[in-house]
Amino acid sequence: RPLAEPDWGRLGFRVLGQLGSIDG
């Protein structure tokens, strides 16, 4: 989500995650 959107840009945050596996 953006936190602030002044004329010169956009400040935002993101929360992310991943889980899984690779066999090989």
PDBML (XML) file of the C-alpha atoms, coordinates in Angstrom:
<?xml version="1.0" encoding="UTF-8" ?>
<PDBx:datablock datablockName="MODEL"
   xmlns:PDBx="http://pdbml.pdb.org/schema/pdbx-v50.xsd"
   xmlns:xsi="http://www.w3.org/2001/XMLSchema-instance"
   xsi:schemaLocation="http://pdbml.pdb.org/schema/pdbx-v50.xsd pdbx-v50.xsd">
   <PDBx:atom_siteCategory>
      <PDBx:atom_site id="1">
         <PDBx:B_iso_or_equiv>0.00</PDBx:B_iso_or_equiv>
         <PDBx:Cartn_x>0.000</PDBx:Cartn_x>
         <PDBx:Cartn_y>0.000</PDBx:Cartn_y>
         <PDBx:Cartn_z>0.000</PDBx:Cartn_z>
         <PDBx:auth_asym_id>A</PDBx:auth_asym_id>
         <PDBx:auth_atom_id>CA</PDBx:auth_atom_id>
         <PDBx:auth_comp_id>ARG</PDBx:auth_comp_id>
         <PDBx:auth_seq_id>1</PDBx:auth_seq_id>
         <PDBx:group_PDB>ATOM</PDBx:group_PDB>
         <PDBx:label_alt_id xsi:nil="true" />
         <PDBx:label_asym_id>A</PDBx:label_asym_id>
         <PDBx:label_atom_id>CA</PDBx:label_atom_id>
         <PDBx:label_comp_id>ARG</PDBx:label_comp_id>
         <PDBx:label_entity_id>1</PDBx:label_entity_id>
         <PDBx:label_seq_id>1</PDBx:label_seq_id>
         <PDBx:occupancy>1.00</PDBx:occupancy>
         <PDBx:pdbx_PDB_model_num>1</PDBx:pdbx_PDB_model_num>
         <PDBx:type_symbol>C</PDBx:type_symbol>
      </PDBx:atom_site>
      <PDBx:atom_site id="2">
         <PDBx:B_iso_or_equiv>0.00</PDBx:B_iso_or_equiv>
         <PDBx:Cartn_x>1.222</PDBx:Cartn_x>
         <PDBx:Cartn_y>3.562</PDBx:Cartn_y>
         <PDBx:Cartn_z>-0.630</PDBx:Cartn_z>
         <PDBx:auth_asym_id>A</PDBx:auth_asym_id>
         <PDBx:auth_atom_id>CA</PDBx:auth_atom_id>
         <PDBx:auth_comp_id>PRO</PDBx:auth_comp_id>
         <PDBx:auth_seq_id>2</PDBx:auth_seq_id>
         <PDBx:group_PDB>ATOM</PDBx:group_PDB>
         <PDBx:label_alt_id xsi:nil="true" />
         <PDBx:label_asym_id>A</PDBx:label_asym_id>
         <PDBx:label_atom_id>CA</PDBx:label_atom_id>
         <PDBx:label_comp_id>PRO</PDBx:label_comp_id>
         <PDBx:label_entity_id>1</PDBx:label_entity_id>
         <PDBx:label_seq_id>2</PDBx:label_seq_id>
         <PDBx:occupancy>1.00</PDBx:occupancy>
         <PDBx:pdbx_PDB_model_num>1</PDBx:pdbx_PDB_model_num>
         <PDBx:type_symbol>C</PDBx:type_symbol>
      </PDBx:atom_site>
      <PDBx:atom_site id="3">
         <PDBx:B_iso_or_equiv>0.00</PDBx:B_iso_or_equiv>
         <PDBx:Cartn_x>1.883</PDBx:Cartn_x>
         <PDBx:Cartn_y>5.528</PDBx:Cartn_y>
         <PDBx:Cartn_z>2.588</PDBx:Cartn_z>
         <PDBx:auth_asym_id>A</PDBx:auth_asym_id>
         <PDBx:auth_atom_id>CA</PDBx:auth_atom_id>
         <PDBx:auth_comp_id>LEU</PDBx:auth_comp_id>
         <PDBx:auth_seq_id>3</PDBx:auth_seq_id>
         <PDBx:group_PDB>ATOM</PDBx:group_PDB>
         <PDBx:label_alt_id xsi:nil="true" />
         <PDBx:label_asym_id>A</PDBx:label_asym_id>
         <PDBx:label_atom_id>CA</PDBx:label_atom_id>
         <PDBx:label_comp_id>LEU</PDBx:label_comp_id>
         <PDBx:label_entity_id>1</PDBx:label_entity_id>
         <PDBx:label_seq_id>3</PDBx:label_seq_id>
         <PDBx:occupancy>1.00</PDBx:occupancy>
         <PDBx:pdbx_PDB_model_num>1</PDBx:pdbx_PDB_model_num>
         <PDBx:type_symbol>C</PDBx:type_symbol>
      </PDBx:atom_site>
      <PDBx:atom_site id="4">
         <PDBx:B_iso_or_equiv>0.00</PDBx:B_iso_or_equiv>
         <PDBx:Cartn_x>2.133</PDBx:Cartn_x>
         <PDBx:Cartn_y>8.964</PDBx:Cartn_y>
         <PDBx:Cartn_z>0.964</PDBx:Cartn_z>
         <PDBx:auth_asym_id>A</PDBx:auth_asym_id>
         <PDBx:auth_atom_id>CA</PDBx:auth_atom_id>
         <PDBx:auth_comp_id>ALA</PDBx:auth_comp_id>
         <PDBx:auth_seq_id>4</PDBx:auth_seq_id>
         <PDBx:group_PDB>ATOM</PDBx:group_PDB>
         <PDBx:label_alt_id xsi:nil="true" />
         <PDBx:label_asym_id>A</PDBx:label_asym_id>
         <PDBx:label_atom_id>CA</PDBx:label_atom_id>
         <PDBx:label_comp_id>ALA</PDBx:label_comp_id>
         <PDBx:label_entity_id>1</PDBx:label_entity_id>
         <PDBx:label_seq_id>4</PDBx:label_seq_id>
         <PDBx:occupancy>1.00</PDBx:occupancy>
         <PDBx:pdbx_PDB_model_num>1</PDBx:pdbx_PDB_model_num>
         <PDBx:type_symbol>C</PDBx:type_symbol>
      </PDBx:atom_site>
      <PDBx:atom_site id="5">
         <PDBx:B_iso_or_equiv>0.00</PDBx:B_iso_or_equiv>
         <PDBx:Cartn_x>1.857</PDBx:Cartn_x>
         <PDBx:Cartn_y>10.292</PDBx:Cartn_y>
         <PDBx:Cartn_z>-2.595</PDBx:Cartn_z>
         <PDBx:auth_asym_id>A</PDBx:auth_asym_id>
         <PDBx:auth_atom_id>CA</PDBx:auth_atom_id>
         <PDBx:auth_comp_id>GLU</PDBx:auth_comp_id>
         <PDBx:auth_seq_id>5</PDBx:auth_seq_id>
         <PDBx:group_PDB>ATOM</PDBx:group_PDB>
         <PDBx:label_alt_id xsi:nil="true" />
         <PDBx:label_asym_id>A</PDBx:label_asym_id>
         <PDBx:label_atom_id>CA</PDBx:label_atom_id>
         <PDBx:label_comp_id>GLU</PDBx:label_comp_id>
         <PDBx:label_entity_id>1</PDBx:label_entity_id>
         <PDBx:label_seq_id>5</PDBx:label_seq_id>
         <PDBx:occupancy>1.00</PDBx:occupancy>
         <PDBx:pdbx_PDB_model_num>1</PDBx:pdbx_PDB_model_num>
         <PDBx:type_symbol>C</PDBx:type_symbol>
      </PDBx:atom_site>
      <PDBx:atom_site id="6">
         <PDBx:B_iso_or_equiv>0.00</PDBx:B_iso_or_equiv>
         <PDBx:Cartn_x>3.386</PDBx:Cartn_x>
         <PDBx:Cartn_y>13.788</PDBx:Cartn_y>
         <PDBx:Cartn_z>-2.829</PDBx:Cartn_z>
         <PDBx:auth_asym_id>A</PDBx:auth_asym_id>
         <PDBx:auth_atom_id>CA</PDBx:auth_atom_id>
         <PDBx:auth_comp_id>PRO</PDBx:auth_comp_id>
         <PDBx:auth_seq_id>6</PDBx:auth_seq_id>
         <PDBx:group_PDB>ATOM</PDBx:group_PDB>
         <PDBx:label_alt_id xsi:nil="true" />
         <PDBx:label_asym_id>A</PDBx:label_asym_id>
         <PDBx:label_atom_id>CA</PDBx:label_atom_id>
         <PDBx:label_comp_id>PRO</PDBx:label_comp_id>
         <PDBx:label_entity_id>1</PDBx:label_entity_id>
         <PDBx:label_seq_id>6</PDBx:label_seq_id>
         <PDBx:occupancy>1.00</PDBx:occupancy>
         <PDBx:pdbx_PDB_model_num>1</PDBx:pdbx_PDB_model_num>
         <PDBx:type_symbol>C</PDBx:type_symbol>
      </PDBx:atom_site>
      <PDBx:atom_site id="7">
         <PDBx:B_iso_or_equiv>0.00</PDBx:B_iso_or_equiv>
         <PDBx:Cartn_x>3.857</PDBx:Cartn_x>
         <PDBx:Cartn_y>15.445</PDBx:Cartn_y>
         <PDBx:Cartn_z>-6.246</PDBx:Cartn_z>
         <PDBx:auth_asym_id>A</PDBx:auth_asym_id>
         <PDBx:auth_atom_id>CA</PDBx:auth_atom_id>
         <PDBx:auth_comp_id>ASP</PDBx:auth_comp_id>
         <PDBx:auth_seq_id>7</PDBx:auth_seq_id>
         <PDBx:group_PDB>ATOM</PDBx:group_PDB>
         <PDBx:label_alt_id xsi:nil="true" />
         <PDBx:label_asym_id>A</PDBx:label_asym_id>
         <PDBx:label_atom_id>CA</PDBx:label_atom_id>
         <PDBx:label_comp_id>ASP</PDBx:label_comp_id>
         <PDBx:label_entity_id>1</PDBx:label_entity_id>
         <PDBx:label_seq_id>7</PDBx:label_seq_id>
         <PDBx:occupancy>1.00</PDBx:occupancy>
         <PDBx:pdbx_PDB_model_num>1</PDBx:pdbx_PDB_model_num>
         <PDBx:type_symbol>C</PDBx:type_symbol>
      </PDBx:atom_site>
      <PDBx:atom_site id="8">
         <PDBx:B_iso_or_equiv>0.00</PDBx:B_iso_or_equiv>
         <PDBx:Cartn_x>7.449</PDBx:Cartn_x>
         <PDBx:Cartn_y>14.210</PDBx:Cartn_y>
         <PDBx:Cartn_z>-6.540</PDBx:Cartn_z>
         <PDBx:auth_asym_id>A</PDBx:auth_asym_id>
         <PDBx:auth_atom_id>CA</PDBx:auth_atom_id>
         <PDBx:auth_comp_id>TRP</PDBx:auth_comp_id>
         <PDBx:auth_seq_id>8</PDBx:auth_seq_id>
         <PDBx:group_PDB>ATOM</PDBx:group_PDB>
         <PDBx:label_alt_id xsi:nil="true" />
         <PDBx:label_asym_id>A</PDBx:label_asym_id>
         <PDBx:label_atom_id>CA</PDBx:label_atom_id>
         <PDBx:label_comp_id>TRP</PDBx:label_comp_id>
         <PDBx:label_entity_id>1</PDBx:label_entity_id>
         <PDBx:label_seq_id>8</PDBx:label_seq_id>
         <PDBx:occupancy>1.00</PDBx:occupancy>
         <PDBx:pdbx_PDB_model_num>1</PDBx:pdbx_PDB_model_num>
         <PDBx:type_symbol>C</PDBx:type_symbol>
      </PDBx:atom_site>
      <PDBx:atom_site id="9">
         <PDBx:B_iso_or_equiv>0.00</PDBx:B_iso_or_equiv>
         <PDBx:Cartn_x>6.760</PDBx:Cartn_x>
         <PDBx:Cartn_y>10.489</PDBx:Cartn_y>
         <PDBx:Cartn_z>-5.969</PDBx:Cartn_z>
         <PDBx:auth_asym_id>A</PDBx:auth_asym_id>
         <PDBx:auth_atom_id>CA</PDBx:auth_atom_id>
         <PDBx:auth_comp_id>GLY</PDBx:auth_comp_id>
         <PDBx:auth_seq_id>9</PDBx:auth_seq_id>
         <PDBx:group_PDB>ATOM</PDBx:group_PDB>
         <PDBx:label_alt_id xsi:nil="true" />
         <PDBx:label_asym_id>A</PDBx:label_asym_id>
         <PDBx:label_atom_id>CA</PDBx:label_atom_id>
         <PDBx:label_comp_id>GLY</PDBx:label_comp_id>
         <PDBx:label_entity_id>1</PDBx:label_entity_id>
         <PDBx:label_seq_id>9</PDBx:label_seq_id>
         <PDBx:occupancy>1.00</PDBx:occupancy>
         <PDBx:pdbx_PDB_model_num>1</PDBx:pdbx_PDB_model_num>
         <PDBx:type_symbol>C</PDBx:type_symbol>
      </PDBx:atom_site>
      <PDBx:atom_site id="10">
         <PDBx:B_iso_or_equiv>0.00</PDBx:B_iso_or_equiv>
         <PDBx:Cartn_x>5.189</PDBx:Cartn_x>
         <PDBx:Cartn_y>7.732</PDBx:Cartn_y>
         <PDBx:Cartn_z>-3.957</PDBx:Cartn_z>
         <PDBx:auth_asym_id>A</PDBx:auth_asym_id>
         <PDBx:auth_atom_id>CA</PDBx:auth_atom_id>
         <PDBx:auth_comp_id>ARG</PDBx:auth_comp_id>
         <PDBx:auth_seq_id>10</PDBx:auth_seq_id>
         <PDBx:group_PDB>ATOM</PDBx:group_PDB>
         <PDBx:label_alt_id xsi:nil="true" />
         <PDBx:label_asym_id>A</PDBx:label_asym_id>
         <PDBx:label_atom_id>CA</PDBx:label_atom_id>
         <PDBx:label_comp_id>ARG</PDBx:label_comp_id>
         <PDBx:label_entity_id>1</PDBx:label_entity_id>
         <PDBx:label_seq_id>10</PDBx:label_seq_id>
         <PDBx:occupancy>1.00</PDBx:occupancy>
         <PDBx:pdbx_PDB_model_num>1</PDBx:pdbx_PDB_model_num>
         <PDBx:type_symbol>C</PDBx:type_symbol>
      </PDBx:atom_site>
      <PDBx:atom_site id="11">
         <PDBx:B_iso_or_equiv>0.00</PDBx:B_iso_or_equiv>
         <PDBx:Cartn_x>6.327</PDBx:Cartn_x>
         <PDBx:Cartn_y>6.248</PDBx:Cartn_y>
         <PDBx:Cartn_z>-0.620</PDBx:Cartn_z>
         <PDBx:auth_asym_id>A</PDBx:auth_asym_id>
         <PDBx:auth_atom_id>CA</PDBx:auth_atom_id>
         <PDBx:auth_comp_id>LEU</PDBx:auth_comp_id>
         <PDBx:auth_seq_id>11</PDBx:auth_seq_id>
         <PDBx:group_PDB>ATOM</PDBx:group_PDB>
         <PDBx:label_alt_id xsi:nil="true" />
         <PDBx:label_asym_id>A</PDBx:label_asym_id>
         <PDBx:label_atom_id>CA</PDBx:label_atom_id>
         <PDBx:label_comp_id>LEU</PDBx:label_comp_id>
         <PDBx:label_entity_id>1</PDBx:label_entity_id>
         <PDBx:label_seq_id>11</PDBx:label_seq_id>
         <PDBx:occupancy>1.00</PDBx:occupancy>
         <PDBx:pdbx_PDB_model_num>1</PDBx:pdbx_PDB_model_num>
         <PDBx:type_symbol>C</PDBx:type_symbol>
      </PDBx:atom_site>
      <PDBx:atom_site id="12">
         <PDBx:B_iso_or_equiv>0.00</PDBx:B_iso_or_equiv>
         <PDBx:Cartn_x>4.990</PDBx:Cartn_x>
         <PDBx:Cartn_y>2.768</PDBx:Cartn_y>
         <PDBx:Cartn_z>0.085</PDBx:Cartn_z>
         <PDBx:auth_asym_id>A</PDBx:auth_asym_id>
         <PDBx:auth_atom_id>CA</PDBx:auth_atom_id>
         <PDBx:auth_comp_id>GLY</PDBx:auth_comp_id>
         <PDBx:auth_seq_id>12</PDBx:auth_seq_id>
         <PDBx:group_PDB>ATOM</PDBx:group_PDB>
         <PDBx:label_alt_id xsi:nil="true" />
         <PDBx:label_asym_id>A</PDBx:label_asym_id>
         <PDBx:label_atom_id>CA</PDBx:label_atom_id>
         <PDBx:label_comp_id>GLY</PDBx:label_comp_id>
         <PDBx:label_entity_id>1</PDBx:label_entity_id>
         <PDBx:label_seq_id>12</PDBx:label_seq_id>
         <PDBx:occupancy>1.00</PDBx:occupancy>
         <PDBx:pdbx_PDB_model_num>1</PDBx:pdbx_PDB_model_num>
         <PDBx:type_symbol>C</PDBx:type_symbol>
      </PDBx:atom_site>
      <PDBx:atom_site id="13">
         <PDBx:B_iso_or_equiv>0.00</PDBx:B_iso_or_equiv>
         <PDBx:Cartn_x>5.377</PDBx:Cartn_x>
         <PDBx:Cartn_y>-0.426</PDBx:Cartn_y>
         <PDBx:Cartn_z>2.065</PDBx:Cartn_z>
         <PDBx:auth_asym_id>A</PDBx:auth_asym_id>
         <PDBx:auth_atom_id>CA</PDBx:auth_atom_id>
         <PDBx:auth_comp_id>PHE</PDBx:auth_comp_id>
         <PDBx:auth_seq_id>13</PDBx:auth_seq_id>
         <PDBx:group_PDB>ATOM</PDBx:group_PDB>
         <PDBx:label_alt_id xsi:nil="true" />
         <PDBx:label_asym_id>A</PDBx:label_asym_id>
         <PDBx:label_atom_id>CA</PDBx:label_atom_id>
         <PDBx:label_comp_id>PHE</PDBx:label_comp_id>
         <PDBx:label_entity_id>1</PDBx:label_entity_id>
         <PDBx:label_seq_id>13</PDBx:label_seq_id>
         <PDBx:occupancy>1.00</PDBx:occupancy>
         <PDBx:pdbx_PDB_model_num>1</PDBx:pdbx_PDB_model_num>
         <PDBx:type_symbol>C</PDBx:type_symbol>
      </PDBx:atom_site>
      <PDBx:atom_site id="14">
         <PDBx:B_iso_or_equiv>0.00</PDBx:B_iso_or_equiv>
         <PDBx:Cartn_x>5.031</PDBx:Cartn_x>
         <PDBx:Cartn_y>-4.102</PDBx:Cartn_y>
         <PDBx:Cartn_z>1.355</PDBx:Cartn_z>
         <PDBx:auth_asym_id>A</PDBx:auth_asym_id>
         <PDBx:auth_atom_id>CA</PDBx:auth_atom_id>
         <PDBx:auth_comp_id>ARG</PDBx:auth_comp_id>
         <PDBx:auth_seq_id>14</PDBx:auth_seq_id>
         <PDBx:group_PDB>ATOM</PDBx:group_PDB>
         <PDBx:label_alt_id xsi:nil="true" />
         <PDBx:label_asym_id>A</PDBx:label_asym_id>
         <PDBx:label_atom_id>CA</PDBx:label_atom_id>
         <PDBx:label_comp_id>ARG</PDBx:label_comp_id>
         <PDBx:label_entity_id>1</PDBx:label_entity_id>
         <PDBx:label_seq_id>14</PDBx:label_seq_id>
         <PDBx:occupancy>1.00</PDBx:occupancy>
         <PDBx:pdbx_PDB_model_num>1</PDBx:pdbx_PDB_model_num>
         <PDBx:type_symbol>C</PDBx:type_symbol>
      </PDBx:atom_site>
      <PDBx:atom_site id="15">
         <PDBx:B_iso_or_equiv>0.00</PDBx:B_iso_or_equiv>
         <PDBx:Cartn_x>4.802</PDBx:Cartn_x>
         <PDBx:Cartn_y>-7.173</PDBx:Cartn_y>
         <PDBx:Cartn_z>3.603</PDBx:Cartn_z>
         <PDBx:auth_asym_id>A</PDBx:auth_asym_id>
         <PDBx:auth_atom_id>CA</PDBx:auth_atom_id>
         <PDBx:auth_comp_id>VAL</PDBx:auth_comp_id>
         <PDBx:auth_seq_id>15</PDBx:auth_seq_id>
         <PDBx:group_PDB>ATOM</PDBx:group_PDB>
         <PDBx:label_alt_id xsi:nil="true" />
         <PDBx:label_asym_id>A</PDBx:label_asym_id>
         <PDBx:label_atom_id>CA</PDBx:label_atom_id>
         <PDBx:label_comp_id>VAL</PDBx:label_comp_id>
         <PDBx:label_entity_id>1</PDBx:label_entity_id>
         <PDBx:label_seq_id>15</PDBx:label_seq_id>
         <PDBx:occupancy>1.00</PDBx:occupancy>
         <PDBx:pdbx_PDB_model_num>1</PDBx:pdbx_PDB_model_num>
         <PDBx:type_symbol>C</PDBx:type_symbol>
      </PDBx:atom_site>
      <PDBx:atom_site id="16">
         <PDBx:B_iso_or_equiv>0.00</PDBx:B_iso_or_equiv>
         <PDBx:Cartn_x>5.768</PDBx:Cartn_x>
         <PDBx:Cartn_y>-10.389</PDBx:Cartn_y>
         <PDBx:Cartn_z>1.853</PDBx:Cartn_z>
         <PDBx:auth_asym_id>A</PDBx:auth_asym_id>
         <PDBx:auth_atom_id>CA</PDBx:auth_atom_id>
         <PDBx:auth_comp_id>LEU</PDBx:auth_comp_id>
         <PDBx:auth_seq_id>16</PDBx:auth_seq_id>
         <PDBx:group_PDB>ATOM</PDBx:group_PDB>
         <PDBx:label_alt_id xsi:nil="true" />
         <PDBx:label_asym_id>A</PDBx:label_asym_id>
         <PDBx:label_atom_id>CA</PDBx:label_atom_id>
         <PDBx:label_comp_id>LEU</PDBx:label_comp_id>
         <PDBx:label_entity_id>1</PDBx:label_entity_id>
         <PDBx:label_seq_id>16</PDBx:label_seq_id>
         <PDBx:occupancy>1.00</PDBx:occupancy>
         <PDBx:pdbx_PDB_model_num>1</PDBx:pdbx_PDB_model_num>
         <PDBx:type_symbol>C</PDBx:type_symbol>
      </PDBx:atom_site>
      <PDBx:atom_site id="17">
         <PDBx:B_iso_or_equiv>0.00</PDBx:B_iso_or_equiv>
         <PDBx:Cartn_x>6.349</PDBx:Cartn_x>
         <PDBx:Cartn_y>-14.045</PDBx:Cartn_y>
         <PDBx:Cartn_z>2.487</PDBx:Cartn_z>
         <PDBx:auth_asym_id>A</PDBx:auth_asym_id>
         <PDBx:auth_atom_id>CA</PDBx:auth_atom_id>
         <PDBx:auth_comp_id>GLY</PDBx:auth_comp_id>
         <PDBx:auth_seq_id>17</PDBx:auth_seq_id>
         <PDBx:group_PDB>ATOM</PDBx:group_PDB>
         <PDBx:label_alt_id xsi:nil="true" />
         <PDBx:label_asym_id>A</PDBx:label_asym_id>
         <PDBx:label_atom_id>CA</PDBx:label_atom_id>
         <PDBx:label_comp_id>GLY</PDBx:label_comp_id>
         <PDBx:label_entity_id>1</PDBx:label_entity_id>
         <PDBx:label_seq_id>17</PDBx:label_seq_id>
         <PDBx:occupancy>1.00</PDBx:occupancy>
         <PDBx:pdbx_PDB_model_num>1</PDBx:pdbx_PDB_model_num>
         <PDBx:type_symbol>C</PDBx:type_symbol>
      </PDBx:atom_site>
      <PDBx:atom_site id="18">
         <PDBx:B_iso_or_equiv>0.00</PDBx:B_iso_or_equiv>
         <PDBx:Cartn_x>7.203</PDBx:Cartn_x>
         <PDBx:Cartn_y>-17.278</PDBx:Cartn_y>
         <PDBx:Cartn_z>0.747</PDBx:Cartn_z>
         <PDBx:auth_asym_id>A</PDBx:auth_asym_id>
         <PDBx:auth_atom_id>CA</PDBx:auth_atom_id>
         <PDBx:auth_comp_id>GLN</PDBx:auth_comp_id>
         <PDBx:auth_seq_id>18</PDBx:auth_seq_id>
         <PDBx:group_PDB>ATOM</PDBx:group_PDB>
         <PDBx:label_alt_id xsi:nil="true" />
         <PDBx:label_asym_id>A</PDBx:label_asym_id>
         <PDBx:label_atom_id>CA</PDBx:label_atom_id>
         <PDBx:label_comp_id>GLN</PDBx:label_comp_id>
         <PDBx:label_entity_id>1</PDBx:label_entity_id>
         <PDBx:label_seq_id>18</PDBx:label_seq_id>
         <PDBx:occupancy>1.00</PDBx:occupancy>
         <PDBx:pdbx_PDB_model_num>1</PDBx:pdbx_PDB_model_num>
         <PDBx:type_symbol>C</PDBx:type_symbol>
      </PDBx:atom_site>
      <PDBx:atom_site id="19">
         <PDBx:B_iso_or_equiv>0.00</PDBx:B_iso_or_equiv>
         <PDBx:Cartn_x>7.276</PDBx:Cartn_x>
         <PDBx:Cartn_y>-20.945</PDBx:Cartn_y>
         <PDBx:Cartn_z>1.617</PDBx:Cartn_z>
         <PDBx:auth_asym_id>A</PDBx:auth_asym_id>
         <PDBx:auth_atom_id>CA</PDBx:auth_atom_id>
         <PDBx:auth_comp_id>LEU</PDBx:auth_comp_id>
         <PDBx:auth_seq_id>19</PDBx:auth_seq_id>
         <PDBx:group_PDB>ATOM</PDBx:group_PDB>
         <PDBx:label_alt_id xsi:nil="true" />
         <PDBx:label_asym_id>A</PDBx:label_asym_id>
         <PDBx:label_atom_id>CA</PDBx:label_atom_id>
         <PDBx:label_comp_id>LEU</PDBx:label_comp_id>
         <PDBx:label_entity_id>1</PDBx:label_entity_id>
         <PDBx:label_seq_id>19</PDBx:label_seq_id>
         <PDBx:occupancy>1.00</PDBx:occupancy>
         <PDBx:pdbx_PDB_model_num>1</PDBx:pdbx_PDB_model_num>
         <PDBx:type_symbol>C</PDBx:type_symbol>
      </PDBx:atom_site>
      <PDBx:atom_site id="20">
         <PDBx:B_iso_or_equiv>0.00</PDBx:B_iso_or_equiv>
         <PDBx:Cartn_x>8.059</PDBx:Cartn_x>
         <PDBx:Cartn_y>-24.013</PDBx:Cartn_y>
         <PDBx:Cartn_z>-0.355</PDBx:Cartn_z>
         <PDBx:auth_asym_id>A</PDBx:auth_asym_id>
         <PDBx:auth_atom_id>CA</PDBx:auth_atom_id>
         <PDBx:auth_comp_id>GLY</PDBx:auth_comp_id>
         <PDBx:auth_seq_id>20</PDBx:auth_seq_id>
         <PDBx:group_PDB>ATOM</PDBx:group_PDB>
         <PDBx:label_alt_id xsi:nil="true" />
         <PDBx:label_asym_id>A</PDBx:label_asym_id>
         <PDBx:label_atom_id>CA</PDBx:label_atom_id>
         <PDBx:label_comp_id>GLY</PDBx:label_comp_id>
         <PDBx:label_entity_id>1</PDBx:label_entity_id>
         <PDBx:label_seq_id>20</PDBx:label_seq_id>
         <PDBx:occupancy>1.00</PDBx:occupancy>
         <PDBx:pdbx_PDB_model_num>1</PDBx:pdbx_PDB_model_num>
         <PDBx:type_symbol>C</PDBx:type_symbol>
      </PDBx:atom_site>
      <PDBx:atom_site id="21">
         <PDBx:B_iso_or_equiv>0.00</PDBx:B_iso_or_equiv>
         <PDBx:Cartn_x>10.690</PDBx:Cartn_x>
         <PDBx:Cartn_y>-26.469</PDBx:Cartn_y>
         <PDBx:Cartn_z>-1.448</PDBx:Cartn_z>
         <PDBx:auth_asym_id>A</PDBx:auth_asym_id>
         <PDBx:auth_atom_id>CA</PDBx:auth_atom_id>
         <PDBx:auth_comp_id>SER</PDBx:auth_comp_id>
         <PDBx:auth_seq_id>21</PDBx:auth_seq_id>
         <PDBx:group_PDB>ATOM</PDBx:group_PDB>
         <PDBx:label_alt_id xsi:nil="true" />
         <PDBx:label_asym_id>A</PDBx:label_asym_id>
         <PDBx:label_atom_id>CA</PDBx:label_atom_id>
         <PDBx:label_comp_id>SER</PDBx:label_comp_id>
         <PDBx:label_entity_id>1</PDBx:label_entity_id>
         <PDBx:label_seq_id>21</PDBx:label_seq_id>
         <PDBx:occupancy>1.00</PDBx:occupancy>
         <PDBx:pdbx_PDB_model_num>1</PDBx:pdbx_PDB_model_num>
         <PDBx:type_symbol>C</PDBx:type_symbol>
      </PDBx:atom_site>
      <PDBx:atom_site id="22">
         <PDBx:B_iso_or_equiv>0.00</PDBx:B_iso_or_equiv>
         <PDBx:Cartn_x>12.726</PDBx:Cartn_x>
         <PDBx:Cartn_y>-27.680</PDBx:Cartn_y>
         <PDBx:Cartn_z>-4.402</PDBx:Cartn_z>
         <PDBx:auth_asym_id>A</PDBx:auth_asym_id>
         <PDBx:auth_atom_id>CA</PDBx:auth_atom_id>
         <PDBx:auth_comp_id>ILE</PDBx:auth_comp_id>
         <PDBx:auth_seq_id>22</PDBx:auth_seq_id>
         <PDBx:group_PDB>ATOM</PDBx:group_PDB>
         <PDBx:label_alt_id xsi:nil="true" />
         <PDBx:label_asym_id>A</PDBx:label_asym_id>
         <PDBx:label_atom_id>CA</PDBx:label_atom_id>
         <PDBx:label_comp_id>ILE</PDBx:label_comp_id>
         <PDBx:label_entity_id>1</PDBx:label_entity_id>
         <PDBx:label_seq_id>22</PDBx:label_seq_id>
         <PDBx:occupancy>1.00</PDBx:occupancy>
         <PDBx:pdbx_PDB_model_num>1</PDBx:pdbx_PDB_model_num>
         <PDBx:type_symbol>C</PDBx:type_symbol>
      </PDBx:atom_site>
      <PDBx:atom_site id="23">
         <PDBx:B_iso_or_equiv>0.00</PDBx:B_iso_or_equiv>
         <PDBx:Cartn_x>13.680</PDBx:Cartn_x>
         <PDBx:Cartn_y>-31.323</PDBx:Cartn_y>
         <PDBx:Cartn_z>-4.865</PDBx:Cartn_z>
         <PDBx:auth_asym_id>A</PDBx:auth_asym_id>
         <PDBx:auth_atom_id>CA</PDBx:auth_atom_id>
         <PDBx:auth_comp_id>ASP</PDBx:auth_comp_id>
         <PDBx:auth_seq_id>23</PDBx:auth_seq_id>
         <PDBx:group_PDB>ATOM</PDBx:group_PDB>
         <PDBx:label_alt_id xsi:nil="true" />
         <PDBx:label_asym_id>A</PDBx:label_asym_id>
         <PDBx:label_atom_id>CA</PDBx:label_atom_id>
         <PDBx:label_comp_id>ASP</PDBx:label_comp_id>
         <PDBx:label_entity_id>1</PDBx:label_entity_id>
         <PDBx:label_seq_id>23</PDBx:label_seq_id>
         <PDBx:occupancy>1.00</PDBx:occupancy>
         <PDBx:pdbx_PDB_model_num>1</PDBx:pdbx_PDB_model_num>
         <PDBx:type_symbol>C</PDBx:type_symbol>
      </PDBx:atom_site>
      <PDBx:atom_site id="24">
         <PDBx:B_iso_or_equiv>0.00</PDBx:B_iso_or_equiv>
         <PDBx:Cartn_x>16.507</PDBx:Cartn_x>
         <PDBx:Cartn_y>-32.010</PDBx:Cartn_y>
         <PDBx:Cartn_z>-7.259</PDBx:Cartn_z>
         <PDBx:auth_asym_id>A</PDBx:auth_asym_id>
         <PDBx:auth_atom_id>CA</PDBx:auth_atom_id>
         <PDBx:auth_comp_id>GLY</PDBx:auth_comp_id>
         <PDBx:auth_seq_id>24</PDBx:auth_seq_id>
         <PDBx:group_PDB>ATOM</PDBx:group_PDB>
         <PDBx:label_alt_id xsi:nil="true" />
         <PDBx:label_asym_id>A</PDBx:label_asym_id>
         <PDBx:label_atom_id>CA</PDBx:label_atom_id>
         <PDBx:label_comp_id>GLY</PDBx:label_comp_id>
         <PDBx:label_entity_id>1</PDBx:label_entity_id>
         <PDBx:label_seq_id>24</PDBx:label_seq_id>
         <PDBx:occupancy>1.00</PDBx:occupancy>
         <PDBx:pdbx_PDB_model_num>1</PDBx:pdbx_PDB_model_num>
         <PDBx:type_symbol>C</PDBx:type_symbol>
      </PDBx:atom_site>
   </PDBx:atom_siteCategory>
</PDBx:datablock>
